């Protein structure tokens, strides 16, 4: 059975009509990417530098749960951009881009009802061109009354501070920043 199959394949390959058809199909497949990458008009790409003004808002949401009980000062905190940042109709920072921050201070809850506390800072976002855009912004939270179950336990230990995943906050571009983007323009 294998021998019959191999003989059939060999006959097909040596058949002139089939061979020419196969060559024509292969040539078309090889040339197709070259023809589809060049549209009717030629493309010209230019590097465009855009300035992002100091104080431009960047809307974020928190990707981690942070507590004064488990986190430490210096821990990395992850955010994502909620809404794209556009300058002159050009997206500089796209929605969903990663943003990095840090826990800058943790206040532990302790005796005599002292509540825990958390302070976060936002450091930088990633632009569409891969550059880091410095940001500024902070969040400070103090433990609420939900940590204590009774007046007696509140006198012993204060409540833990929490910042939950999904919490929204705003950061701002720190200083005037430049972003170099490649703009592709069609010529006619």
Protein backbone atom coordinates (compact mmCIF):
# COMPACT_ATOMS: atom_id res chain seq x y z
CA UNK A 1 0.00 0.00 0.00
CA UNK A 2 2.85 2.40 0.80
CA UNK A 3 4.52 1.53 -2.49
CA UNK A 4 1.34 2.32 -4.45
CA UNK A 5 0.96 5.65 -2.63
CA UNK A 6 4.56 6.67 -3.32
CA UNK A 7 4.24 5.72 -6.99
CA UNK A 8 1.10 7.87 -7.26
CA UNK A 9 2.87 10.84 -5.70
CA UNK A 10 5.86 10.46 -8.01
CA UNK A 11 3.60 10.24 -11.05
CA UNK A 12 1.76 13.40 -9.96
CA UNK A 13 4.98 15.33 -9.43
CA UNK A 14 6.39 14.37 -12.78
CA UNK A 15 3.21 15.14 -14.62
CA UNK A 16 3.93 18.37 -16.49
CA UNK A 17 0.54 19.96 -15.99
CA UNK A 18 0.47 19.26 -12.27
CA UNK A 19 4.09 20.39 -11.90
CA UNK A 20 3.44 23.69 -13.69
CA UNK A 21 0.34 24.31 -11.60
CA UNK A 22 2.25 23.64 -8.39
CA UNK A 23 5.03 26.04 -9.46
CA UNK A 24 2.50 28.75 -10.33
CA UNK A 25 0.79 28.41 -6.94
CA UNK A 26 4.11 28.57 -5.09
CA UNK A 27 5.20 31.67 -7.02
CA UNK A 28 1.89 33.39 -6.20
CA UNK A 29 2.24 32.52 -2.51
CA UNK A 30 5.79 33.87 -2.41
CA UNK A 31 4.92 37.11 -4.20
CA UNK A 32 1.66 37.79 -2.32
CA UNK A 33 3.29 39.33 0.81
CA UNK A 34 5.33 41.69 -1.37
CA UNK A 35 2.29 42.93 -3.26
CA UNK A 36 0.02 43.30 -0.21
CA UNK A 37 2.50 45.36 1.84
CA UNK A 38 2.61 48.18 -0.70
CA UNK A 39 -0.79 49.86 -1.03
CA UNK A 40 -1.74 51.91 -4.07
CA UNK A 41 -0.18 55.08 -2.61
CA UNK A 42 3.34 54.98 -1.18
CA UNK A 43 3.80 55.25 2.57
CA UNK A 44 6.02 57.83 4.18
CA UNK A 45 6.91 57.47 7.83
CA UNK A 46 8.08 60.40 9.89
CA UNK A 47 9.06 60.68 13.52
CA UNK A 48 6.79 63.09 15.32
CA UNK A 49 7.71 64.46 18.75
CA UNK A 50 4.76 65.28 20.98
CA UNK A 51 5.02 67.16 24.27
CA UNK A 52 2.87 65.97 27.15
CA UNK A 53 2.20 68.92 29.46
CA UNK A 54 3.01 68.81 33.14
CA UNK A 55 -0.12 67.90 35.10
CA UNK A 56 -1.84 65.96 32.31
CA UNK A 57 -4.20 63.58 34.17
CA UNK A 58 -3.78 59.81 33.86
CA UNK A 59 -6.77 57.83 35.20
CA UNK A 60 -5.76 54.56 36.91
CA UNK A 61 -7.10 51.57 38.76
CA UNK A 62 -5.25 49.38 41.26
CA UNK A 63 -4.34 45.81 40.27
CA UNK A 64 -3.33 44.57 43.77
CA UNK A 65 -4.93 44.35 47.20
CA UNK A 66 -2.85 46.37 49.68
CA UNK A 67 -3.14 46.07 53.48
CA UNK A 68 -1.22 47.56 56.38
CA UNK A 69 -1.05 44.04 57.81
CA UNK A 70 0.81 42.27 54.96
CA UNK A 71 2.54 44.92 52.83
CA UNK A 72 5.82 46.69 53.57
CA UNK A 73 7.27 50.04 52.57
CA UNK A 74 9.02 49.67 49.21
CA UNK A 75 6.66 47.00 47.84
CA UNK A 76 5.90 47.44 44.13
CA UNK A 77 2.26 48.25 43.34
CA UNK A 78 0.69 47.63 39.92
CA UNK A 79 -1.89 49.87 38.27
CA UNK A 80 -3.46 49.97 34.81
CA UNK A 81 -4.58 52.99 32.81
CA UNK A 82 -8.40 53.30 32.70
CA UNK A 83 -8.65 55.74 29.81
CA UNK A 84 -6.21 56.45 26.97
CA UNK A 85 -4.21 59.68 27.17
CA UNK A 86 -4.40 61.53 23.84
CA UNK A 87 -2.61 64.67 22.71
CA UNK A 88 -3.87 66.25 19.49
CA UNK A 89 -5.76 63.08 18.52
CA UNK A 90 -2.68 60.88 18.98
CA UNK A 91 -2.74 58.20 21.70
CA UNK A 92 0.33 58.57 23.92
CA UNK A 93 -0.61 56.15 26.72
CA UNK A 94 -3.22 53.55 25.80
CA UNK A 95 -5.94 52.20 28.07
CA UNK A 96 -4.74 49.05 29.82
CA UNK A 97 -1.08 50.14 29.83
CA UNK A 98 0.86 49.13 32.94
CA UNK A 99 1.72 51.71 35.59
CA UNK A 100 4.13 51.13 38.45
CA UNK A 101 3.98 52.57 41.95
CA UNK A 102 5.33 51.80 45.40
CA UNK A 103 4.15 51.54 48.96
CA UNK A 104 5.93 54.50 50.54
CA UNK A 105 4.76 54.06 54.13
CA UNK A 106 2.94 51.51 56.27
CA UNK A 107 1.57 52.31 59.69
CA UNK A 108 0.83 49.15 61.64
CA UNK A 109 -2.21 48.95 63.84
CA UNK A 110 -1.23 48.47 67.47
CA UNK A 111 -2.32 48.75 71.06
CA UNK A 112 -4.59 51.45 72.39
CA UNK A 113 -6.71 51.59 69.24
CA UNK A 114 -4.12 53.06 66.85
CA UNK A 115 -5.28 52.36 63.30
CA UNK A 116 -3.08 51.06 60.51
CA UNK A 117 -2.26 53.26 57.55
CA UNK A 118 -0.99 52.98 53.98
CA UNK A 119 0.63 55.54 51.70
CA UNK A 120 1.16 54.77 47.98
CA UNK A 121 2.94 56.73 45.28
CA UNK A 122 2.64 56.41 41.51
CA UNK A 123 5.95 56.41 39.59
CA UNK A 124 5.62 55.86 35.84
CA UNK A 125 3.43 54.69 32.95
CA UNK A 126 4.49 52.97 29.73
CA UNK A 127 3.76 54.99 26.57
CA UNK A 128 2.75 53.39 23.25
CA UNK A 129 6.34 53.74 22.04
CA UNK A 130 7.62 51.82 25.10
CA UNK A 131 9.05 54.88 26.89
CA UNK A 132 8.52 55.45 30.61
CA UNK A 133 6.47 58.57 31.35
CA UNK A 134 7.13 59.83 34.91
CA UNK A 135 3.97 60.36 36.96
CA UNK A 136 3.16 61.85 40.33
CA UNK A 137 0.30 60.94 42.60
CA UNK A 138 -0.32 59.56 46.06
CA UNK A 139 -3.00 57.74 47.98
CA UNK A 140 -3.22 57.67 51.78
CA UNK A 141 -5.60 55.47 53.73
CA UNK A 142 -6.15 55.02 57.45
CA UNK A 143 -7.85 51.94 58.94
CA UNK A 144 -11.56 52.36 59.58
CA UNK A 145 -13.84 51.15 62.35
CA UNK A 146 -14.68 47.90 60.52
CA UNK A 147 -11.50 46.32 61.92
CA UNK A 148 -12.79 46.35 65.49
CA UNK A 149 -15.60 44.03 66.55
CA UNK A 150 -16.37 45.60 69.88
CA UNK A 151 -15.42 48.55 72.05
CA UNK A 152 -13.17 46.32 74.13
CA UNK A 153 -11.19 44.98 71.14
CA UNK A 154 -10.92 48.49 69.67
CA UNK A 155 -9.17 49.57 72.86
CA UNK A 156 -6.57 46.83 72.38
CA UNK A 157 -5.79 46.97 68.64
CA UNK A 158 -6.83 49.51 66.04
CA UNK A 159 -8.19 48.48 62.64
CA UNK A 160 -6.05 47.42 59.68
CA UNK A 161 -5.97 49.74 56.61
CA UNK A 162 -7.01 48.30 53.22
CA UNK A 163 -6.86 49.52 49.63
CA UNK A 164 -8.73 47.04 47.48
CA UNK A 165 -7.96 45.87 43.95
CA UNK A 166 -9.95 47.94 41.45
CA UNK A 167 -9.71 51.16 43.45
CA UNK A 168 -9.61 54.10 41.03
CA UNK A 169 -7.31 57.07 41.39
CA UNK A 170 -5.71 59.78 39.32
CA UNK A 171 -2.06 60.50 38.72
CA UNK A 172 -0.51 63.35 36.77
CA UNK A 173 2.36 63.62 34.29
CA UNK A 174 5.39 64.84 36.24
CA UNK A 175 6.95 67.74 34.32
CA UNK A 176 6.75 68.36 30.58
CA UNK A 177 7.58 65.08 28.81
CA UNK A 178 8.36 64.40 25.15
CA UNK A 179 7.29 61.29 23.29
CA UNK A 180 8.68 60.44 19.85
CA UNK A 181 6.18 58.50 17.78
CA UNK A 182 6.39 57.18 14.22
CA UNK A 183 3.58 58.60 12.11
CA UNK A 184 2.75 56.79 8.87
CA UNK A 185 1.25 59.03 6.22
CA UNK A 186 -0.15 57.99 2.84
CA UNK A 187 1.00 59.97 -0.19
CA UNK A 188 -1.22 60.12 -3.28
